[in-house]
Protein backbone atom coordinates (compact mmCIF):
# COMPACT_ATOMS: atom_id res chain seq x y z
CA MET A 1 128.77 53.32 154.82
CA ASN A 2 128.23 51.96 158.23
CA THR A 3 126.75 48.57 156.76
CA LEU A 4 129.51 48.19 154.52
CA THR A 5 132.08 48.62 157.29
CA TYR A 6 130.11 46.19 159.39
CA CYS A 7 129.89 43.67 156.65
CA LEU A 8 133.69 43.86 156.07
CA ASN A 9 134.54 43.55 159.55
CA ILE A 10 131.82 40.31 159.76
CA LEU A 11 133.71 39.11 156.87
CA LYS A 12 137.28 39.47 158.62
CA ILE A 13 138.64 41.68 155.94
CA LYS A 14 140.72 44.04 157.56
CA ASP A 15 141.38 47.61 156.73
CA ASP A 16 144.57 47.42 155.36
CA SER A 17 143.66 44.82 152.46
CA GLU A 18 143.03 45.86 149.07
CA VAL A 19 139.59 44.43 149.01
CA TYR A 20 138.58 46.85 152.20
CA ARG A 21 140.08 50.31 150.74
CA ASN A 22 138.43 49.39 147.17
CA ALA A 23 135.31 48.70 148.61
CA VAL A 24 135.10 52.03 150.77
CA ASN A 25 136.49 53.73 147.78
CA LEU A 26 133.91 52.46 145.43
CA ALA A 27 131.27 53.24 148.18
CA GLN A 28 132.42 57.06 148.40
CA LYS A 29 131.96 57.11 144.41
CA ALA A 30 128.73 55.52 144.12
CA PRO A 31 126.83 55.74 147.37
CA ILE A 32 125.26 52.49 148.94
CA ASP A 33 121.80 52.49 147.98
CA SER A 34 119.79 53.23 151.20
CA ASN A 35 116.58 51.12 149.88
CA ASN A 36 118.50 48.01 150.52
CA GLU A 37 121.63 48.53 152.11
CA TRP A 38 122.44 45.20 152.80
CA VAL A 39 122.54 44.10 149.08
CA SER A 40 124.26 47.16 148.07
CA ALA A 41 127.14 46.61 150.46
CA MET A 42 127.34 43.01 149.37
CA LYS A 43 127.45 43.99 145.67
CA THR A 44 130.17 46.65 146.53
CA ILE A 45 132.01 44.05 148.28
CA ALA A 46 131.64 41.15 145.63
CA SER A 47 132.51 43.76 143.02
CA VAL A 48 135.90 44.63 144.36
CA SER A 49 136.75 40.89 145.19
CA LYS A 50 137.03 39.29 141.87
CA ASP A 51 140.72 38.32 142.53
CA TYR A 52 139.94 37.66 146.47
CA ILE A 53 139.23 33.81 147.53
CA PHE A 54 136.64 33.65 150.23
CA SER A 55 137.02 31.03 152.44
CA LYS A 56 134.07 28.65 153.65
CA SER A 57 133.02 30.52 156.37
CA GLN A 58 133.54 33.78 154.76
CA LEU A 59 131.28 32.70 152.04
CA SER A 60 128.69 31.29 154.61
CA ASP A 61 128.79 34.66 156.33
CA PHE A 62 128.75 36.52 152.97
CA LEU A 63 125.42 34.67 152.35
CA THR A 64 124.14 35.39 155.70
CA LEU A 65 124.99 39.24 155.40
CA ALA A 66 123.20 39.32 151.81
CA ALA A 67 120.26 37.28 153.03
CA GLU A 68 119.67 40.44 155.53
CA GLY A 69 119.02 42.20 152.16
CA ILE A 70 115.84 39.84 151.37
CA GLU A 71 112.92 42.27 151.06
CA HIS A 72 109.99 39.71 151.02
CA TYR A 73 110.78 36.98 153.03
CA LYS A 74 108.86 33.75 152.66
CA THR A 75 109.54 30.00 152.53
CA SER A 76 110.49 30.29 148.97
CA SER A 77 113.38 32.41 149.78
CA GLU A 78 114.55 30.75 152.93
CA VAL A 79 114.59 27.48 150.93
CA ILE A 80 116.95 28.80 148.14
CA VAL A 81 119.24 30.52 150.85
CA LEU A 82 119.39 27.04 152.72
CA LYS A 83 120.14 24.94 149.59
CA ILE A 84 123.02 27.81 148.81
CA TYR A 85 124.38 27.29 152.34
CA ARG A 86 124.41 23.83 151.89
CA ASP A 87 126.01 23.68 148.58
CA ILE A 88 128.95 25.71 150.22
CA ILE A 89 129.52 23.40 153.08
CA GLU A 90 129.39 20.43 150.97
CA ASN A 91 130.99 21.32 147.99
CA TYR A 92 133.20 24.32 148.52
CA ASN A 93 136.40 22.05 148.47
CA ASN A 94 135.21 20.90 145.08
CA PHE A 95 134.79 24.48 143.75
CA SER A 96 137.39 25.61 141.13
CA GLU A 97 139.22 28.69 141.92
CA SER A 98 137.09 30.61 139.60
CA LEU A 99 133.94 29.72 140.96
CA LYS A 100 135.33 30.64 144.54
CA SER A 101 136.29 33.99 143.20
CA ASN A 102 133.05 34.55 141.60
CA TYR A 103 130.63 32.89 144.09
CA PRO A 104 130.07 36.19 146.17
CA MET A 105 128.73 37.92 142.67
CA ILE A 106 126.72 34.99 142.27
CA ILE A 107 124.86 35.26 145.84
CA VAL A 108 124.14 38.96 145.16
CA ASP A 109 122.89 37.96 141.75
CA VAL A 110 120.56 35.43 143.40
CA ILE A 111 119.61 37.88 146.27
CA SER A 112 118.40 40.26 143.93
CA ALA A 113 116.48 37.89 141.77
CA ILE A 114 114.38 36.97 145.05
CA ASN A 115 113.79 40.83 145.60
CA ARG A 116 112.58 41.34 142.07
CA ASP A 117 109.46 39.28 142.64
CA SER A 118 107.96 38.33 145.99
CA ARG A 119 106.16 35.42 144.24
CA VAL A 120 109.32 34.09 143.09
CA ASN A 121 109.08 30.41 142.35
CA PRO A 122 111.99 28.44 144.08
CA ILE A 123 112.55 26.23 141.42
CA ILE A 124 113.20 29.11 139.07
CA ILE A 125 115.74 30.65 141.51
CA GLU A 126 117.40 27.58 142.21
CA LYS A 127 117.80 26.84 138.40
CA TYR A 128 118.95 30.42 138.13
CA TYR A 129 121.43 29.94 140.94
CA GLN A 130 122.83 26.72 138.83
CA LEU A 131 123.07 28.62 135.77
CA LYS A 132 125.10 31.29 137.16
CA LYS A 133 127.36 28.61 138.28
CA GLN A 134 127.48 26.98 135.08
CA GLU A 135 128.17 30.43 133.63
CA VAL A 136 131.52 30.89 135.49
CA ALA A 137 132.74 27.14 134.40
CA ILE A 138 131.60 27.97 130.58
CA VAL A 139 133.61 31.25 130.87
CA LYS A 140 136.69 29.57 132.39
CA GLU A 141 136.71 26.86 129.82
CA GLU A 142 136.19 29.22 126.93
CA LYS A 143 139.16 31.32 128.10
CA GLY A 144 141.20 27.89 128.59
CA HIS A 145 140.37 26.93 125.17
CA LEU A 146 141.28 30.24 123.90
CA LYS A 147 144.35 30.17 125.61
CA LYS A 148 145.37 26.91 124.30
CA THR A 149 144.38 27.83 120.68
CA LEU A 150 146.64 30.87 120.92
CA THR A 151 149.53 28.84 122.13
CA THR A 152 149.09 26.50 119.40
CA THR A 153 148.50 29.17 116.85
CA LYS A 154 151.94 31.09 117.89
CA GLN A 155 153.57 27.38 117.65
CA LEU A 156 152.51 26.91 114.19
CA GLN A 157 153.75 30.47 112.79
CA PRO A 158 156.95 30.30 110.99
């Protein structure tokens, strides 16, 4: 729980906010995995912040905190983390709202993938990262198409 509250404080998520309360409640119901407290804490925060848009600096801090949970520090894992930093710094302003709200979970997924295999190929991880970003765009597009179809169908009904 100490790691979680530390991370929330570093991210400047105030203790009176819904994200803070939900993260603490979730951690009490499903305790933080002591094997990798950093990834577990960040996963908890990501899972309760679906409607919360992190600022560019918060997202960079989120990545820094999640990277603390990398179990196998190798050049390959450092390279992908640096590429994600660069993507945030250079492209954050062009991210869709959907991508911004899903980005913390993308970060957690990528860090977890790095942890699954110490011999991870950075090219594969980067492709995985790009795929996760594209999935968010596809889901958003499909939801928009479904909404448009439902609206059109309602208009066509007598």
